[in-house]
Amino acid sequence: MCTARLWVVVFCACAAALPLASSATAGPEIPGAEQQQPIALVGGTIHPIDVDVIPQGTLLMEDGRITAVAREVLLPENTRQVDIRGQHVYPGLFDAATNIGLVEINAVRATRDHTEIGLLNPNVRAEVAVNPDSELIPVTRANGVLLCLTAPAGELVAGMSAVVQLDGWTWEEMTLRSAVGLHVQWPNMAPLERWYIEESSDEQLKNRDEQLRKLDEFFADARAYATARRAADAGGPSLDGDPRLEAMAPILSGDLPAIVAADTIGQIESAVAFAVRENVRMILLGGYDAPLCADLLKRHKIPVIVTGVYRLPSTRSDAYDDPYTLPERLRKAGIRFCITSSARFGASNVRNLPYNAAMAVAHGLPPAQGLRAITLSAAEILGVDDRVGSLQPGKDATLIITDGDPLETTTHVVRAYIQGREVDLDNRHKRLWRKYQEKYERLGNQ
């Protein structure tokens, strides 16, 4: 009887909490409405990224696409003109490595949906788990970040990432491109000595060898499965489907890259050797030691997604500013790269993407390259530059209007459009600021 009564109490408490949980996790911002008429942004400074800046220019958007960018543009009769004199137009900023929409509060397990159980999960798709009502999404886009690669996490093969737009009612509406790449966490090649690591050096090396063996076997199994699948499709013996091995087909064919997380020179060299041996396209995620193996990366045309500029040096012998100068060293070495914010605090830190680029600019990276690293370069590396990343006719009208340089912390984003839809720039941070501003104004009037 007591047990039954306890379950009734628990059930009622949980039922009562559901509306509260729902209201706490769903922001009030309404997704932007579809573009109903041509919109012209007139009189501002336009920064297309891939060509020269256009002062006092005009950008025309129709049906969610950019149709003209120039000093003088002939506008359709029903065009709505937006006066942006004194302001600037940039492509929406693009963070190429996040878990946005998959994690709300890092310390709360119930809000983390970015990791699947098991070592080998190539069939996991990040976009289907994205929460469109995440409070972090409006906070992020209010600082100009309109596009993100959201990726699963895991021990070895985590799954497929997707490029998402930070506006939409559902994950389907938010997804710009699904299955962008297969995320692989490369094992540490040398033992780590950290206070929180309980394994001995020998145990770490044994675990590394076991993971590499499993990876080799998995790719061999995937190739064998692909061969059997082709035979079955041609009328041969039937084949029982395996979603994990099925998901490997675009990786083995070269249609999609493996996005390999590796920082040390040992990890990078091992990962590149594996990619070459398996004839797999590779993108390097992290790349702290990438300048030390620049020739290897250039020879195999492997770009680098720099995971955050705000991080500590890797070893005691490194210069204090090695993380800050990494983008410039990659540029000088002729290695394609983009910059992300993913090294610290996960999705809650994506809003600070432009300041990672700003720190790199402060340490030698040319300003134009800093902007490119968080717009067009990210789009090129992830294969969506035909849609986003620069302001050119034919591309999506995904852009921001600012009152200054987005790399400056004093700059405000005053408008934002995603595929021609003007999006709400209000968010939880602003609401709380207004709330407590009112509190202290009342206190001041007492």
Foldseek 3Di string as FASTA:
>chain_A
DVVVVVVVVVVVVVVVCVVVVVVVFFDPFAFFDFDDAKEKEFQAWECQLVDDIAGRWIWIADRQFTADTHNDDDDDPPYHYDYQHLWYKWFQFEFEEFQAQQAQAPVDPVRHRQFDPDAFCALDWSLQNGDLRGQLLLVQCQLRHFKYWRHGDYDFWGYFIFIFGSGDDGSVVGTPGTRLATEGEQQDCFDDDDPPDPDDRVRSNVVNVVSVVVVVVLLVVLVVVVVVVVQVVVPHDDDDDDSRSVSCVCFLVQVHAYEYEDADPVRVVVVLVVCVVSVGHYEYEAHLVCLVVLVSCVVNLHAYEHAFLPDADPDPPDDRRSSLQVVVSCVVSVHQYAYHPDPPDGSNRRSCGLQSLLSNCVVPDPPSVSSQRRFQSSCVNSVNNQATRGRDGNHGQWMWMWSDDSSDPVIGTPWTDGSNGTTDSDGPVVVVVVVVVVVVVVVVVD
